[in-house]
Amino acid sequence: MTTEKRPFGGKDDPMYEEAVVLVRAKGRPSVSMIQRHFRIGWIRAATMLEAMVGTVIESAAPNAKILPEASDTSPHGLGYMQSRGAA
């Protein structure tokens, strides 16, 4: 039995950055919100939300705090750029 890497989900998902923007704009993390907005499956949306924990959101709980962008250390986040002296 071979295991294949999923093409979608997590930070490697082509929609991940858009999902981060959506979560920040709405001010709350929600798997169903991501799922409905992008018309994707629940598991894909949940995997993206889980990947945001610690960098974009405090936890995956529905009432979790959205972290400031400076703490976002993804390659497109402000924190990453600041750590490289670019922002």
PDB file of N, CA and C in Angstrom:
ATOM      1  N   MET A   1       0.843  -1.182   0.000  1.00  0.00           N
ATOM      2  CA  MET A   1       0.000   0.000   0.000  1.00  0.00           C
ATOM      3  C   MET A   1       0.888   1.245   0.000  1.00  0.00           C
ATOM      4  N   THR A   2       0.698   2.100  -0.960  1.00  0.00           N
ATOM      5  CA  THR A   2       1.476   3.331  -1.033  1.00  0.00           C
ATOM      6  C   THR A   2       0.612   4.498  -0.584  1.00  0.00           C
ATOM      7  N   THR A   3       1.248   5.450   0.019  1.00  0.00           N
ATOM      8  CA  THR A   3       0.524   6.651   0.425  1.00  0.00           C
ATOM      9  C   THR A   3       0.916   7.785  -0.503  1.00  0.00           C
ATOM     10  N   GLU A   4      -0.078   8.480  -0.967  1.00  0.00           N
ATOM     11  CA  GLU A   4       0.159   9.603  -1.856  1.00  0.00           C
ATOM     12  C   GLU A   4      -0.169  10.893  -1.124  1.00  0.00           C
ATOM     13  N   LYS A   5       0.592  11.916  -1.407  1.00  0.00           N
ATOM     14  CA  LYS A   5       0.314  13.208  -0.811  1.00  0.00           C
ATOM     15  C   LYS A   5      -0.928  13.793  -1.474  1.00  0.00           C
ATOM     16  N   ARG A   6      -1.812  14.299  -0.643  1.00  0.00           N
ATOM     17  CA  ARG A   6      -3.023  14.920  -1.173  1.00  0.00           C
ATOM     18  C   ARG A   6      -2.670  16.214  -1.891  1.00  0.00           C
ATOM     19  N   PRO A   7      -3.322  16.480  -3.012  1.00  0.00           N
ATOM     20  CA  PRO A   7      -3.025  17.712  -3.734  1.00  0.00           C
ATOM     21  C   PRO A   7      -3.607  18.949  -3.055  1.00  0.00           C
ATOM     22  N   PHE A   8      -4.575  18.771  -2.169  1.00  0.00           N
ATOM     23  CA  PHE A   8      -5.240  19.902  -1.535  1.00  0.00           C
ATOM     24  C   PHE A   8      -5.202  19.767  -0.029  1.00  0.00           C
ATOM     25  N   GLY A   9      -5.321  20.901   0.615  1.00  0.00           N
ATOM     26  CA  GLY A   9      -5.374  20.922   2.066  1.00  0.00           C
ATOM     27  C   GLY A   9      -4.124  21.523   2.659  1.00  0.00           C
ATOM     28  N   GLY A  10      -4.279  22.152   3.792  1.00  0.00           N
ATOM     29  CA  GLY A  10      -3.138  22.733   4.474  1.00  0.00           C
ATOM     30  C   GLY A  10      -2.575  23.943   3.760  1.00  0.00           C
ATOM     31  N   LYS A  11      -1.353  24.286   4.101  1.00  0.00           N
ATOM     32  CA  LYS A  11      -0.711  25.475   3.539  1.00  0.00           C
ATOM     33  C   LYS A  11      -0.326  25.303   2.080  1.00  0.00           C
ATOM     34  N   ASP A  12      -0.293  24.060   1.587  1.00  0.00           N
ATOM     35  CA  ASP A  12       0.040  23.811   0.184  1.00  0.00           C
ATOM     36  C   ASP A  12      -1.160  23.961  -0.735  1.00  0.00           C
ATOM     37  N   ASP A  13      -2.338  24.146  -0.160  1.00  0.00           N
ATOM     38  CA  ASP A  13      -3.553  24.257  -0.959  1.00  0.00           C
ATOM     39  C   ASP A  13      -3.521  25.545  -1.782  1.00  0.00           C
ATOM     40  N   PRO A  14      -3.891  25.473  -3.049  1.00  0.00           N
ATOM     41  CA  PRO A  14      -3.911  26.670  -3.882  1.00  0.00           C
ATOM     42  C   PRO A  14      -4.845  27.771  -3.358  1.00  0.00           C
ATOM     43  N   MET A  15      -5.833  27.397  -2.557  1.00  0.00           N
ATOM     44  CA  MET A  15      -6.788  28.363  -2.013  1.00  0.00           C
ATOM     45  C   MET A  15      -6.422  28.826  -0.602  1.00  0.00           C
ATOM     46  N   TYR A  16      -5.314  28.347  -0.052  1.00  0.00           N
ATOM     47  CA  TYR A  16      -4.975  28.644   1.340  1.00  0.00           C
ATOM     48  C   TYR A  16      -4.874  30.139   1.619  1.00  0.00           C
ATOM     49  N   GLU A  17      -4.138  30.863   0.809  1.00  0.00           N
ATOM     50  CA  GLU A  17      -3.964  32.301   1.044  1.00  0.00           C
ATOM     51  C   GLU A  17      -5.301  33.034   0.955  1.00  0.00           C
ATOM     52  N   GLU A  18      -6.162  32.617   0.032  1.00  0.00           N
ATOM     53  CA  GLU A  18      -7.491  33.220  -0.073  1.00  0.00           C
ATOM     54  C   GLU A  18      -8.320  32.907   1.160  1.00  0.00           C
ATOM     55  N   ALA A  19      -8.168  31.702   1.692  1.00  0.00           N
ATOM     56  CA  ALA A  19      -8.891  31.317   2.904  1.00  0.00           C
ATOM     57  C   ALA A  19      -8.416  32.150   4.097  1.00  0.00           C
ATOM     58  N   VAL A  20      -7.121  32.428   4.164  1.00  0.00           N
ATOM     59  CA  VAL A  20      -6.580  33.279   5.237  1.00  0.00           C
ATOM     60  C   VAL A  20      -7.211  34.672   5.149  1.00  0.00           C
ATOM     61  N   VAL A  21      -7.286  35.215   3.956  1.00  0.00           N
ATOM     62  CA  VAL A  21      -7.885  36.541   3.756  1.00  0.00           C
ATOM     63  C   VAL A  21      -9.353  36.515   4.190  1.00  0.00           C
ATOM     64  N   LEU A  22     -10.073  35.461   3.833  1.00  0.00           N
ATOM     65  CA  LEU A  22     -11.479  35.327   4.202  1.00  0.00           C
ATOM     66  C   LEU A  22     -11.648  35.274   5.715  1.00  0.00           C
ATOM     67  N   VAL A  23     -10.859  34.458   6.391  1.00  0.00           N
ATOM     68  CA  VAL A  23     -10.957  34.326   7.845  1.00  0.00           C
ATOM     69  C   VAL A  23     -10.646  35.663   8.520  1.00  0.00           C
ATOM     70  N   ARG A  24      -9.622  36.344   8.051  1.00  0.00           N
ATOM     71  CA  ARG A  24      -9.283  37.653   8.627  1.00  0.00           C
ATOM     72  C   ARG A  24     -10.404  38.673   8.376  1.00  0.00           C
ATOM     73  N   ALA A  25     -10.980  38.659   7.188  1.00  0.00           N
ATOM     74  CA  ALA A  25     -12.037  39.616   6.843  1.00  0.00           C
ATOM     75  C   ALA A  25     -13.298  39.374   7.665  1.00  0.00           C
ATOM     76  N   LYS A  26     -13.651  38.119   7.872  1.00  0.00           N
ATOM     77  CA  LYS A  26     -14.861  37.782   8.628  1.00  0.00           C
ATOM     78  C   LYS A  26     -14.632  37.872  10.133  1.00  0.00           C
ATOM     79  N   GLY A  27     -13.370  37.779  10.557  1.00  0.00           N
ATOM     80  CA  GLY A  27     -13.056  37.898  11.969  1.00  0.00           C
ATOM     81  C   GLY A  27     -13.353  36.674  12.800  1.00  0.00           C
ATOM     82  N   ARG A  28     -13.569  35.548  12.159  1.00  0.00           N
ATOM     83  CA  ARG A  28     -13.828  34.307  12.895  1.00  0.00           C
ATOM     84  C   ARG A  28     -13.455  33.109  12.034  1.00  0.00           C
ATOM     85  N   PRO A  29     -12.841  32.113  12.667  1.00  0.00           N
ATOM     86  CA  PRO A  29     -12.519  30.894  11.923  1.00  0.00           C
ATOM     87  C   PRO A  29     -13.720  29.960  11.892  1.00  0.00           C
ATOM     88  N   SER A  30     -14.024  29.432  10.740  1.00  0.00           N
ATOM     89  CA  SER A  30     -15.143  28.504  10.611  1.00  0.00           C
ATOM     90  C   SER A  30     -14.913  27.596   9.402  1.00  0.00           C
ATOM     91  N   VAL A  31     -14.906  26.307   9.661  1.00  0.00           N
ATOM     92  CA  VAL A  31     -14.743  25.336   8.571  1.00  0.00           C
ATOM     93  C   VAL A  31     -15.892  25.470   7.583  1.00  0.00           C
ATOM     94  N   SER A  32     -17.122  25.563   8.107  1.00  0.00           N
ATOM     95  CA  SER A  32     -18.275  25.628   7.204  1.00  0.00           C
ATOM     96  C   SER A  32     -18.281  26.916   6.382  1.00  0.00           C
ATOM     97  N   MET A  33     -17.788  28.029   6.952  1.00  0.00           N
ATOM     98  CA  MET A  33     -17.709  29.276   6.192  1.00  0.00           C
ATOM     99  C   MET A  33     -16.748  29.117   5.009  1.00  0.00           C
ATOM    100  N   ILE A  34     -15.580  28.533   5.274  1.00  0.00           N
ATOM    101  CA  ILE A  34     -14.606  28.297   4.199  1.00  0.00           C
ATOM    102  C   ILE A  34     -15.189  27.342   3.169  1.00  0.00           C
ATOM    103  N   GLN A  35     -15.828  26.286   3.638  1.00  0.00           N
ATOM    104  CA  GLN A  35     -16.422  25.285   2.759  1.00  0.00           C
ATOM    105  C   GLN A  35     -17.467  25.909   1.834  1.00  0.00           C
ATOM    106  N   ARG A  36     -18.366  26.696   2.406  1.00  0.00           N
ATOM    107  CA  ARG A  36     -19.427  27.307   1.596  1.00  0.00           C
ATOM    108  C   ARG A  36     -18.879  28.376   0.650  1.00  0.00           C
ATOM    109  N   HIS A  37     -17.958  29.191   1.140  1.00  0.00           N
ATOM    110  CA  HIS A  37     -17.421  30.283   0.319  1.00  0.00           C
ATOM    111  C   HIS A  37     -16.700  29.768  -0.927  1.00  0.00           C
ATOM    112  N   PHE A  38     -15.880  28.739  -0.735  1.00  0.00           N
ATOM    113  CA  PHE A  38     -15.096  28.217  -1.858  1.00  0.00           C
ATOM    114  C   PHE A  38     -15.735  27.025  -2.558  1.00  0.00           C
ATOM    115  N   ARG A  39     -16.868  26.563  -2.008  1.00  0.00           N
ATOM    116  CA  ARG A  39     -17.572  25.398  -2.563  1.00  0.00           C
ATOM    117  C   ARG A  39     -16.646  24.189  -2.663  1.00  0.00           C
ATOM    118  N   ILE A  40     -16.052  23.873  -1.504  1.00  0.00           N
ATOM    119  CA  ILE A  40     -15.127  22.743  -1.413  1.00  0.00           C
ATOM    120  C   ILE A  40     -15.625  21.785  -0.345  1.00  0.00           C
ATOM    121  N   GLY A  41     -15.002  20.640  -0.246  1.00  0.00           N
ATOM    122  CA  GLY A  41     -15.386  19.644   0.745  1.00  0.00           C
ATOM    123  C   GLY A  41     -14.993  20.047   2.162  1.00  0.00           C
ATOM    124  N   TRP A  42     -15.676  19.424   3.132  1.00  0.00           N
ATOM    125  CA  TRP A  42     -15.441  19.738   4.538  1.00  0.00           C
ATOM    126  C   TRP A  42     -14.012  19.411   4.945  1.00  0.00           C
ATOM    127  N   ILE A  43     -13.493  18.277   4.516  1.00  0.00           N
ATOM    128  CA  ILE A  43     -12.147  17.872   4.930  1.00  0.00           C
ATOM    129  C   ILE A  43     -11.103  18.849   4.391  1.00  0.00           C
ATOM    130  N   ARG A  44     -11.253  19.271   3.161  1.00  0.00           N
ATOM    131  CA  ARG A  44     -10.306  20.236   2.593  1.00  0.00           C
ATOM    132  C   ARG A  44     -10.350  21.547   3.369  1.00  0.00           C
ATOM    133  N   ALA A  45     -11.550  22.033   3.672  1.00  0.00           N
ATOM    134  CA  ALA A  45     -11.697  23.279   4.436  1.00  0.00           C
ATOM    135  C   ALA A  45     -11.130  23.127   5.847  1.00  0.00           C
ATOM    136  N   ALA A  46     -11.397  22.000   6.478  1.00  0.00           N
ATOM    137  CA  ALA A  46     -10.894  21.755   7.839  1.00  0.00           C
ATOM    138  C   ALA A  46      -9.374  21.675   7.863  1.00  0.00           C
ATOM    139  N   THR A  47      -8.785  21.080   6.841  1.00  0.00           N
ATOM    140  CA  THR A  47      -7.327  20.969   6.762  1.00  0.00           C
ATOM    141  C   THR A  47      -6.691  22.347   6.603  1.00  0.00           C
ATOM    142  N   MET A  48      -7.311  23.210   5.814  1.00  0.00           N
ATOM    143  CA  MET A  48      -6.790  24.570   5.661  1.00  0.00           C
ATOM    144  C   MET A  48      -6.898  25.333   6.977  1.00  0.00           C
ATOM    145  N   LEU A  49      -8.045  25.207   7.656  1.00  0.00           N
ATOM    146  CA  LEU A  49      -8.227  25.911   8.918  1.00  0.00           C
ATOM    147  C   LEU A  49      -7.242  25.407   9.964  1.00  0.00           C
ATOM    148  N   GLU A  50      -7.029  24.119  10.015  1.00  0.00           N
ATOM    149  CA  GLU A  50      -6.073  23.540  10.967  1.00  0.00           C
ATOM    150  C   GLU A  50      -4.662  24.059  10.699  1.00  0.00           C
ATOM    151  N   ALA A  51      -4.327  24.282   9.431  1.00  0.00           N
ATOM    152  CA  ALA A  51      -3.002  24.799   9.084  1.00  0.00           C
ATOM    153  C   ALA A  51      -2.822  26.247   9.537  1.00  0.00           C
ATOM    154  N   MET A  52      -3.924  26.943   9.774  1.00  0.00           N
ATOM    155  CA  MET A  52      -3.857  28.341  10.211  1.00  0.00           C
ATOM    156  C   MET A  52      -3.582  28.481  11.708  1.00  0.00           C
ATOM    157  N   VAL A  53      -3.784  27.404  12.469  1.00  0.00           N
ATOM    158  CA  VAL A  53      -3.614  27.475  13.916  1.00  0.00           C
ATOM    159  C   VAL A  53      -2.181  27.847  14.262  1.00  0.00           C
ATOM    160  N   GLY A  54      -2.053  28.861  15.103  1.00  0.00           N
ATOM    161  CA  GLY A  54      -0.743  29.308  15.554  1.00  0.00           C
ATOM    162  C   GLY A  54      -0.141  30.425  14.735  1.00  0.00           C
ATOM    163  N   THR A  55      -0.574  30.573  13.484  1.00  0.00           N
ATOM    164  CA  THR A  55      -0.042  31.652  12.660  1.00  0.00           C
ATOM    165  C   THR A  55      -1.108  32.675  12.305  1.00  0.00           C
ATOM    166  N   VAL A  56      -2.324  32.223  12.061  1.00  0.00           N
ATOM    167  CA  VAL A  56      -3.415  33.119  11.674  1.00  0.00           C
ATOM    168  C   VAL A  56      -4.474  33.174  12.774  1.00  0.00           C
ATOM    169  N   ILE A  57      -4.774  32.020  13.355  1.00  0.00           N
ATOM    170  CA  ILE A  57      -5.776  31.939  14.413  1.00  0.00           C
ATOM    171  C   ILE A  57      -5.179  31.283  15.652  1.00  0.00           C
ATOM    172  N   GLU A  58      -5.772  31.598  16.805  1.00  0.00           N
ATOM    173  CA  GLU A  58      -5.279  31.065  18.063  1.00  0.00           C
ATOM    174  C   GLU A  58      -5.541  29.563  18.182  1.00  0.00           C
ATOM    175  N   SER A  59      -6.730  29.133  17.747  1.00  0.00           N
ATOM    176  CA  SER A  59      -7.094  27.721  17.759  1.00  0.00           C
ATOM    177  C   SER A  59      -8.156  27.502  16.695  1.00  0.00           C
ATOM    178  N   ALA A  60      -8.566  26.261  16.510  1.00  0.00           N
ATOM    179  CA  ALA A  60      -9.583  25.958  15.508  1.00  0.00           C
ATOM    180  C   ALA A  60     -11.003  26.083  16.059  1.00  0.00           C
ATOM    181  N   ALA A  61     -11.143  26.549  17.286  1.00  0.00           N
ATOM    182  CA  ALA A  61     -12.464  26.735  17.890  1.00  0.00           C
ATOM    183  C   ALA A  61     -13.224  27.849  17.172  1.00  0.00           C
ATOM    184  N   PRO A  62     -14.548  27.725  17.084  1.00  0.00           N
ATOM    185  CA  PRO A  62     -15.342  28.734  16.370  1.00  0.00           C
ATOM    186  C   PRO A  62     -15.182  30.157  16.898  1.00  0.00           C
ATOM    187  N   ASN A  63     -14.905  30.322  18.177  1.00  0.00           N
ATOM    188  CA  ASN A  63     -14.762  31.667  18.738  1.00  0.00           C
ATOM    189  C   ASN A  63     -13.297  32.034  18.979  1.00  0.00           C
ATOM    190  N   ALA A  64     -12.396  31.388  18.273  1.00  0.00           N
ATOM    191  CA  ALA A  64     -10.962  31.615  18.456  1.00  0.00           C
ATOM    192  C   ALA A  64     -10.565  33.013  18.022  1.00  0.00           C
ATOM    193  N   LYS A  65      -9.547  33.510  18.669  1.00  0.00           N
ATOM    194  CA  LYS A  65      -9.015  34.839  18.381  1.00  0.00           C
ATOM    195  C   LYS A  65      -8.221  34.808  17.072  1.00  0.00           C
ATOM    196  N   ILE A  66      -8.420  35.839  16.258  1.00  0.00           N
ATOM    197  CA  ILE A  66      -7.631  36.007  15.040  1.00  0.00           C
ATOM    198  C   ILE A  66      -6.338  36.713  15.460  1.00  0.00           C
ATOM    199  N   LEU A  67      -5.214  36.130  15.124  1.00  0.00           N
ATOM    200  CA  LEU A  67      -3.927  36.701  15.509  1.00  0.00           C
ATOM    201  C   LEU A  67      -3.563  37.863  14.594  1.00  0.00           C
ATOM    202  N   PRO A  68      -2.832  38.835  15.088  1.00  0.00           N
ATOM    203  CA  PRO A  68      -2.419  39.957  14.229  1.00  0.00           C
ATOM    204  C   PRO A  68      -1.555  39.467  13.080  1.00  0.00           C
ATOM    205  N   GLU A  69      -1.609  40.157  11.994  1.00  0.00           N
ATOM    206  CA  GLU A  69      -0.863  39.732  10.807  1.00  0.00           C
ATOM    207  C   GLU A  69       0.632  39.660  11.041  1.00  0.00           C
ATOM    208  N   ALA A  70       1.166  40.436  11.947  1.00  0.00           N
ATOM    209  CA  ALA A  70       2.604  40.410  12.211  1.00  0.00           C
ATOM    210  C   ALA A  70       3.060  39.044  12.706  1.00  0.00           C
ATOM    211  N   SER A  71       2.143  38.251  13.276  1.00  0.00           N
ATOM    212  CA  SER A  71       2.525  36.927  13.757  1.00  0.00           C
ATOM    213  C   SER A  71       2.422  35.874  12.661  1.00  0.00           C
ATOM    214  N   ASP A  72       1.892  36.262  11.498  1.00  0.00           N
ATOM    215  CA  ASP A  72       1.777  35.340  10.376  1.00  0.00           C
ATOM    216  C   ASP A  72       3.144  35.203   9.720  1.00  0.00           C
ATOM    217  N   THR A  73       3.763  34.053   9.872  1.00  0.00           N
ATOM    218  CA  THR A  73       5.114  33.854   9.344  1.00  0.00           C
ATOM    219  C   THR A  73       5.133  33.061   8.043  1.00  0.00           C
ATOM    220  N   SER A  74       3.972  32.967   7.382  1.00  0.00           N
ATOM    221  CA  SER A  74       3.964  32.311   6.081  1.00  0.00           C
ATOM    222  C   SER A  74       4.722  33.205   5.100  1.00  0.00           C
ATOM    223  N   PRO A  75       5.204  32.676   3.989  1.00  0.00           N
ATOM    224  CA  PRO A  75       5.992  33.486   3.051  1.00  0.00           C
ATOM    225  C   PRO A  75       5.300  34.754   2.575  1.00  0.00           C
ATOM    226  N   HIS A  76       3.966  34.801   2.665  1.00  0.00           N
ATOM    227  CA  HIS A  76       3.241  35.990   2.225  1.00  0.00           C
ATOM    228  C   HIS A  76       2.810  36.860   3.394  1.00  0.00           C
ATOM    229  N   GLY A  77       3.102  36.441   4.618  1.00  0.00           N
ATOM    230  CA  GLY A  77       2.654  37.169   5.795  1.00  0.00           C
ATOM    231  C   GLY A  77       3.584  38.306   6.178  1.00  0.00           C
ATOM    232  N   LEU A  78       3.038  39.267   6.885  1.00  0.00           N
ATOM    233  CA  LEU A  78       3.799  40.430   7.311  1.00  0.00           C
ATOM    234  C   LEU A  78       4.933  40.039   8.244  1.00  0.00           C
ATOM    235  N   GLY A  79       4.690  39.084   9.131  1.00  0.00           N
ATOM    236  CA  GLY A  79       5.723  38.649  10.063  1.00  0.00           C
ATOM    237  C   GLY A  79       6.933  38.083   9.344  1.00  0.00           C
ATOM    238  N   TYR A  80       6.705  37.340   8.302  1.00  0.00           N
ATOM    239  CA  TYR A  80       7.798  36.766   7.510  1.00  0.00           C
ATOM    240  C   TYR A  80       8.608  37.886   6.860  1.00  0.00           C
ATOM    241  N   MET A  81       7.902  38.851   6.277  1.00  0.00           N
ATOM    242  CA  MET A  81       8.598  39.949   5.604  1.00  0.00           C
ATOM    243  C   MET A  81       9.380  40.793   6.605  1.00  0.00           C
ATOM    244  N   GLN A  82       8.802  41.037   7.789  1.00  0.00           N
ATOM    245  CA  GLN A  82       9.496  41.818   8.807  1.00  0.00           C
ATOM    246  C   GLN A  82      10.741  41.108   9.289  1.00  0.00           C
ATOM    247  N   SER A  83      10.659  39.783   9.431  1.00  0.00           N
ATOM    248  CA  SER A  83      11.818  39.040   9.889  1.00  0.00           C
ATOM    249  C   SER A  83      12.936  39.058   8.851  1.00  0.00           C
ATOM    250  N   ARG A  84      12.600  39.356   7.616  1.00  0.00           N
ATOM    251  CA  ARG A  84      13.596  39.422   6.546  1.00  0.00           C
ATOM    252  C   ARG A  84      14.008  40.860   6.260  1.00  0.00           C
ATOM    253  N   GLY A  85      13.449  41.823   7.036  1.00  0.00           N
ATOM    254  CA  GLY A  85      13.781  43.228   6.852  1.00  0.00           C
ATOM    255  C   GLY A  85      13.126  43.863   5.645  1.00  0.00           C
ATOM    256  N   ALA A  86      12.072  43.235   5.112  1.00  0.00           N
ATOM    257  CA  ALA A  86      11.440  43.738   3.897  1.00  0.00           C
ATOM    258  C   ALA A  86      10.243  44.630   4.159  1.00  0.00           C
ATOM    259  N   ALA A  87       9.740  44.650   5.393  1.00  0.00           N
ATOM    260  CA  ALA A  87       8.529  45.467   5.653  1.00  0.00           C
ATOM    261  C   ALA A  87       8.813  46.526   6.688  1.00  0.00           C
TER     262      ALA A  87
END
